[in-house]
Protein backbone atom coordinates (compact mmCIF):
# COMPACT_ATOMS: atom_id res chain seq x y z
CA UNK A 1 53.50 117.46 146.00
CA UNK A 2 53.46 113.69 146.23
CA UNK A 3 53.45 113.39 142.44
CA UNK A 4 56.41 115.76 142.26
CA UNK A 5 58.36 113.79 144.82
CA UNK A 6 57.63 110.58 142.92
CA UNK A 7 58.86 111.88 139.55
CA UNK A 8 61.87 113.85 140.71
CA UNK A 9 64.14 110.91 141.66
CA UNK A 10 63.56 109.23 138.29
CA UNK A 11 64.99 112.11 136.25
CA UNK A 12 68.66 111.71 137.23
CA UNK A 13 68.51 107.95 136.62
CA UNK A 14 67.03 108.51 133.18
CA UNK A 15 69.66 111.14 132.49
CA UNK A 16 72.37 108.74 133.60
CA UNK A 17 71.03 106.05 131.28
CA UNK A 18 70.99 108.51 128.39
CA UNK A 19 74.53 109.56 129.17
CA UNK A 20 75.64 105.92 129.31
CA UNK A 21 73.99 105.26 125.96
CA UNK A 22 75.67 108.37 124.57
CA UNK A 23 79.07 107.16 125.73
CA UNK A 24 78.58 103.64 124.36
CA UNK A 25 78.94 103.83 120.60
CA UNK A 26 79.04 100.25 119.34
CA UNK A 27 80.12 100.91 115.71
CA UNK A 28 82.88 103.27 116.81
CA UNK A 29 84.19 100.93 119.50
CA UNK A 30 84.06 97.88 117.21
CA UNK A 31 85.75 99.77 114.39
CA UNK A 32 88.50 101.14 116.62
CA UNK A 33 89.21 97.71 118.09
CA UNK A 34 89.31 96.04 114.66
CA UNK A 35 91.40 98.77 113.07
CA UNK A 36 93.66 98.89 116.11
CA UNK A 37 94.37 95.17 115.70
CA UNK A 38 95.21 95.71 112.03
CA UNK A 39 97.57 98.58 112.83
CA UNK A 40 99.15 96.58 115.67
CA UNK A 41 99.79 93.64 113.34
CA UNK A 42 101.39 95.97 110.80
CA UNK A 43 103.60 97.68 113.37
CA UNK A 44 104.58 94.41 115.03
CA UNK A 45 105.30 92.59 111.78
CA UNK A 46 108.92 91.75 112.76
CA UNK A 47 107.60 90.18 115.98
CA UNK A 48 104.82 88.21 114.29
CA UNK A 49 106.99 86.63 111.61
CA UNK A 50 110.69 86.01 111.19
CA UNK A 51 110.38 85.70 107.41
CA UNK A 52 111.77 88.32 105.03
CA UNK A 53 108.95 89.56 102.73
CA UNK A 54 111.46 90.17 99.93
CA UNK A 55 113.44 86.93 100.17
CA UNK A 56 112.93 84.57 97.23
CA UNK A 57 113.20 80.81 97.61
CA UNK A 58 112.22 79.10 94.36
CA UNK A 59 112.74 75.67 95.91
CA UNK A 60 109.83 76.40 98.25
CA UNK A 61 107.50 78.15 95.82
CA UNK A 62 103.72 77.55 96.01
CA UNK A 63 103.81 76.00 99.46
CA UNK A 64 100.34 75.48 100.91
CA UNK A 65 99.36 77.31 104.12
CA UNK A 66 101.07 75.70 107.10
CA UNK A 67 103.76 73.90 105.10
CA UNK A 68 107.38 74.12 106.29
CA UNK A 69 106.66 76.83 108.83
CA UNK A 70 104.91 79.18 106.39
CA UNK A 71 101.59 79.87 108.11
CA UNK A 72 99.88 81.30 105.01
CA UNK A 73 102.03 79.56 102.42
CA UNK A 74 104.37 81.03 99.82
CA UNK A 75 103.91 82.67 96.42
CA UNK A 76 105.33 81.79 93.01
CA UNK A 77 108.77 83.09 94.03
CA UNK A 78 108.81 81.32 97.38
CA UNK A 79 108.18 84.52 99.35
CA UNK A 80 106.25 84.13 102.60
CA UNK A 81 102.63 85.29 102.15
CA UNK A 82 102.16 86.21 105.82
CA UNK A 83 105.27 88.39 105.84
CA UNK A 84 104.21 90.14 102.64
CA UNK A 85 100.70 90.61 104.04
CA UNK A 86 101.94 92.25 107.25
CA UNK A 87 104.59 94.42 105.64
CA UNK A 88 102.15 95.26 102.84
CA UNK A 89 99.74 96.54 105.49
CA UNK A 90 102.44 98.95 106.62
CA UNK A 91 102.80 100.32 103.12
CA UNK A 92 99.11 100.57 102.23
CA UNK A 93 98.01 102.08 105.55
CA UNK A 94 100.81 104.64 105.55
CA UNK A 95 100.15 105.68 101.98
CA UNK A 96 96.38 105.69 102.57
CA UNK A 97 96.51 107.92 105.66
CA UNK A 98 98.98 110.38 104.13
CA UNK A 99 96.99 110.46 100.89
CA UNK A 100 93.89 111.54 102.85
CA UNK A 101 95.63 114.17 105.00
CA UNK A 102 96.88 116.13 101.97
CA UNK A 103 93.48 116.69 100.28
CA UNK A 104 91.89 117.29 103.71
CA UNK A 105 94.25 120.19 104.42
CA UNK A 106 94.20 121.60 100.87
CA UNK A 107 90.44 121.28 100.41
CA UNK A 108 89.66 122.76 103.83
CA UNK A 109 91.82 125.83 103.18
CA UNK A 110 90.39 126.41 99.71
CA UNK A 111 86.83 125.91 100.98
CA UNK A 112 87.54 128.35 103.81
CA UNK A 113 88.68 130.99 101.33
CA UNK A 114 85.80 130.39 98.91
CA UNK A 115 83.13 130.54 101.59
CA UNK A 116 84.54 133.60 103.34
CA UNK A 117 85.34 135.87 100.39
CA UNK A 118 82.59 134.75 98.01
CA UNK A 119 82.21 136.72 94.78
CA UNK A 120 84.44 135.90 91.84
CA UNK A 121 86.83 133.89 94.02
CA UNK A 122 84.01 131.57 95.05
CA UNK A 123 82.78 131.40 91.45
CA UNK A 124 86.19 130.40 90.04
CA UNK A 125 86.77 127.79 92.73
CA UNK A 126 83.22 126.50 92.21
CA UNK A 127 83.82 126.00 88.47
CA UNK A 128 87.06 124.10 89.15
CA UNK A 129 85.26 121.90 91.67
CA UNK A 130 82.46 121.20 89.16
CA UNK A 131 84.98 120.17 86.49
CA UNK A 132 86.92 117.81 88.78
CA UNK A 133 83.84 116.28 90.36
CA UNK A 134 82.34 115.53 86.92
CA UNK A 135 84.79 112.63 86.55
CA UNK A 136 84.70 109.46 88.68
CA UNK A 137 87.28 109.66 91.47
CA UNK A 138 88.96 106.33 90.76
CA UNK A 139 89.11 106.83 86.98
CA UNK A 140 90.71 110.27 87.33
CA UNK A 141 93.26 109.04 89.89
CA UNK A 142 94.26 106.13 87.65
CA UNK A 143 94.61 108.47 84.66
CA UNK A 144 96.81 110.91 86.57
CA UNK A 145 99.06 108.19 88.01
CA UNK A 146 99.36 106.62 84.56
CA UNK A 147 100.45 110.00 83.16
CA UNK A 148 102.96 110.67 85.98
CA UNK A 149 104.25 107.12 86.33
CA UNK A 150 103.95 104.61 89.19
CA UNK A 151 105.20 105.38 92.67
CA UNK A 152 104.08 106.78 96.00
CA UNK A 153 104.74 110.39 94.96
CA UNK A 154 102.42 110.00 91.98
CA UNK A 155 99.77 108.41 94.22
CA UNK A 156 99.93 111.26 96.74
CA UNK A 157 99.80 113.88 93.99
CA UNK A 158 96.94 112.29 92.07
CA UNK A 159 94.73 111.68 95.11
CA UNK A 160 95.38 115.22 96.38
CA UNK A 161 94.55 116.79 93.01
CA UNK A 162 91.28 114.85 92.82
CA UNK A 163 90.27 114.44 96.45
CA UNK A 164 90.44 118.05 97.68
CA UNK A 165 87.16 119.02 95.97
CA UNK A 166 84.98 117.02 98.38
CA UNK A 167 86.53 118.69 101.42
CA UNK A 168 86.30 122.08 99.73
CA UNK A 169 82.54 121.72 99.23
CA UNK A 170 81.99 120.55 102.80
CA UNK A 171 83.99 123.36 104.42
CA UNK A 172 82.62 126.03 102.08
CA UNK A 173 79.06 125.11 103.03
CA UNK A 174 79.95 125.25 106.72
CA UNK A 175 81.67 128.64 106.32
CA UNK A 176 78.65 130.16 104.57
CA UNK A 177 76.62 129.40 107.70
CA UNK A 178 79.33 130.10 110.28
CA UNK A 179 80.32 133.55 108.99
CA UNK A 180 76.82 134.82 109.79
CA UNK A 181 77.08 133.67 113.40
CA UNK A 182 77.65 136.20 116.17
CA UNK A 183 81.18 135.07 117.01
CA UNK A 184 82.33 135.51 113.39
CA UNK A 185 80.64 138.88 113.03
CA UNK A 186 82.14 140.04 116.34
CA UNK A 187 85.61 138.95 115.22
CA UNK A 188 85.19 140.86 111.97
CA UNK A 189 83.90 143.97 113.75
CA UNK A 190 86.85 143.93 116.15
CA UNK A 191 89.23 144.54 113.25
CA UNK A 192 91.16 141.28 113.50
CA UNK A 193 93.26 140.30 110.47
CA UNK A 194 91.41 138.11 107.98
CA UNK A 195 93.87 135.23 108.32
CA UNK A 196 93.34 135.19 112.08
CA UNK A 197 89.57 135.17 111.74
CA UNK A 198 89.76 132.29 109.28
CA UNK A 199 92.31 130.14 111.10
CA UNK A 200 91.58 130.92 114.75
CA UNK A 201 87.82 131.47 114.77
CA UNK A 202 86.20 129.88 111.71
CA UNK A 203 88.34 126.83 110.92
CA UNK A 204 87.99 125.09 114.31
CA UNK A 205 84.21 125.45 114.06
CA UNK A 206 83.78 124.22 110.49
CA UNK A 207 86.41 121.50 110.05
CA UNK A 208 84.63 118.78 112.06
CA UNK A 209 82.44 117.66 109.16
CA UNK A 210 85.50 117.43 106.91
CA UNK A 211 87.33 115.30 109.48
CA UNK A 212 84.30 113.02 109.80
CA UNK A 213 84.17 112.65 106.02
CA UNK A 214 87.89 111.85 105.91
CA UNK A 215 87.27 108.64 107.86
CA UNK A 216 85.01 107.29 105.14
CA UNK A 217 87.27 108.77 102.47
CA UNK A 218 90.14 106.59 103.70
CA UNK A 219 88.16 103.55 102.52
CA UNK A 220 87.88 104.97 98.99
CA UNK A 221 91.53 106.01 99.06
CA UNK A 222 92.63 102.56 100.18
CA UNK A 223 90.57 101.06 97.35
CA UNK A 224 92.30 103.40 94.89
CA UNK A 225 95.74 102.41 96.20
CA UNK A 226 94.95 98.70 95.95
CA UNK A 227 93.53 99.17 92.45
CA UNK A 228 96.66 101.02 91.36
CA UNK A 229 98.78 98.20 92.76
CA UNK A 230 96.65 95.64 90.91
CA UNK A 231 97.18 97.57 87.65
CA UNK A 232 100.93 97.82 88.21
CA UNK A 233 100.76 101.57 88.92
CA UNK A 234 101.15 101.44 92.69
CA UNK A 235 104.13 101.01 94.98
CA UNK A 236 107.12 99.85 92.88
CA UNK A 237 108.21 96.22 93.35
CA UNK A 238 109.59 94.40 95.20
CA UNK A 239 107.94 96.37 98.04
CA UNK A 240 104.95 94.30 99.22
CA UNK A 241 101.53 95.76 98.53
CA UNK A 242 98.09 94.19 98.86
CA UNK A 243 97.00 95.17 95.36
CA UNK A 244 100.19 93.77 93.85
CA UNK A 245 99.73 90.53 95.81
CA UNK A 246 96.23 90.10 94.36
CA UNK A 247 97.51 90.84 90.86
CA UNK A 248 100.37 88.36 91.16
CA UNK A 249 98.11 85.62 92.50
CA UNK A 250 95.19 85.97 90.08
CA UNK A 251 96.73 83.68 87.47
CA UNK A 252 96.99 80.91 90.09
CA UNK A 253 93.59 81.53 91.70
CA UNK A 254 92.13 78.10 90.90
CA UNK A 255 94.72 75.99 92.74
CA UNK A 256 96.69 78.56 94.76
CA UNK A 257 93.68 80.50 96.01
CA UNK A 258 95.40 81.81 99.14
CA UNK A 259 97.75 84.07 97.17
CA UNK A 260 94.92 86.41 96.15
CA UNK A 261 92.19 85.55 98.65
CA UNK A 262 94.15 86.38 101.81
CA UNK A 263 95.15 89.94 100.81
CA UNK A 264 91.62 90.40 99.46
CA UNK A 265 90.17 89.48 102.85
CA UNK A 266 92.62 91.88 104.50
CA UNK A 267 91.29 94.69 102.32
CA UNK A 268 87.68 93.82 103.14
CA UNK A 269 88.34 93.67 106.89
CA UNK A 270 90.25 96.96 106.84
CA UNK A 271 87.49 98.64 104.85
CA UNK A 272 84.88 97.31 107.27
CA UNK A 273 86.82 98.65 110.26
CA UNK A 274 87.16 102.10 108.71
CA UNK A 275 83.49 102.14 107.70
CA UNK A 276 82.46 101.30 111.28
CA UNK A 277 84.65 104.11 112.60
CA UNK A 278 83.13 106.57 110.13
CA UNK A 279 79.58 105.51 111.05
CA UNK A 280 80.42 105.76 114.74
CA UNK A 281 81.84 109.26 114.39
CA UNK A 282 78.79 110.42 112.43
CA UNK A 283 76.50 108.92 115.06
CA UNK A 284 78.50 110.59 117.83
CA UNK A 285 78.45 113.95 116.06
CA UNK A 286 74.67 113.78 115.62
CA UNK A 287 73.98 113.09 119.31
């Protein structure tokens, strides 16, 4: 009895410590804080700088950081680098998020159908997935945008046509397991319409892995958008874009390093924040 009374009080404390550790997810918190700051800077761009990102001032071209009130200097056309960086963040983040949502929705629905019905439907979808996934993501996106022409519509379309396959495979695998569970079999036995079983019962239970993957997929999508901008296939000028800023500054990299280095650092920091969020979500899901 004495041993029991000695051990019993320690269990709740240990449980509380475990719960505290479970709530404290360092990568997720750090990533959310860092990404939140980036988003806040993008949204508050008019408050952080009074400069027009499109205004050209050739008399003040190539100003060094800090000169004449330009905190990060100016480019070859006299445009403020800080203003273009902040407004470029708006463009790249908006395009990046929307370009991930489209393949997430499309791939999840197709994977849901393939996993549930199986048979020839699953076989046909599987062959299409194998064909698309045989090509590198970035190469295929660049080829499609090149064929369709530059612009945000082409970017959305290309990334959706290439990116849905990853979500399809994830959701299909989850459906193959979930449809053998008791809740799915009970829903089928009750005579519910197929669409209701898929959308109301299966989808909420299988989409989590796809959502987790989408957080890391944003990093790859952002890289694709920046690469397209660097190649002149991204957002049409004069709209500021990080990839375009790097491309425009590369020819002056030796003496005007800030023109390319600063947007490059912004890309690295944003990618790091998103990677931390993805790692944190995976860690949380595995607890």
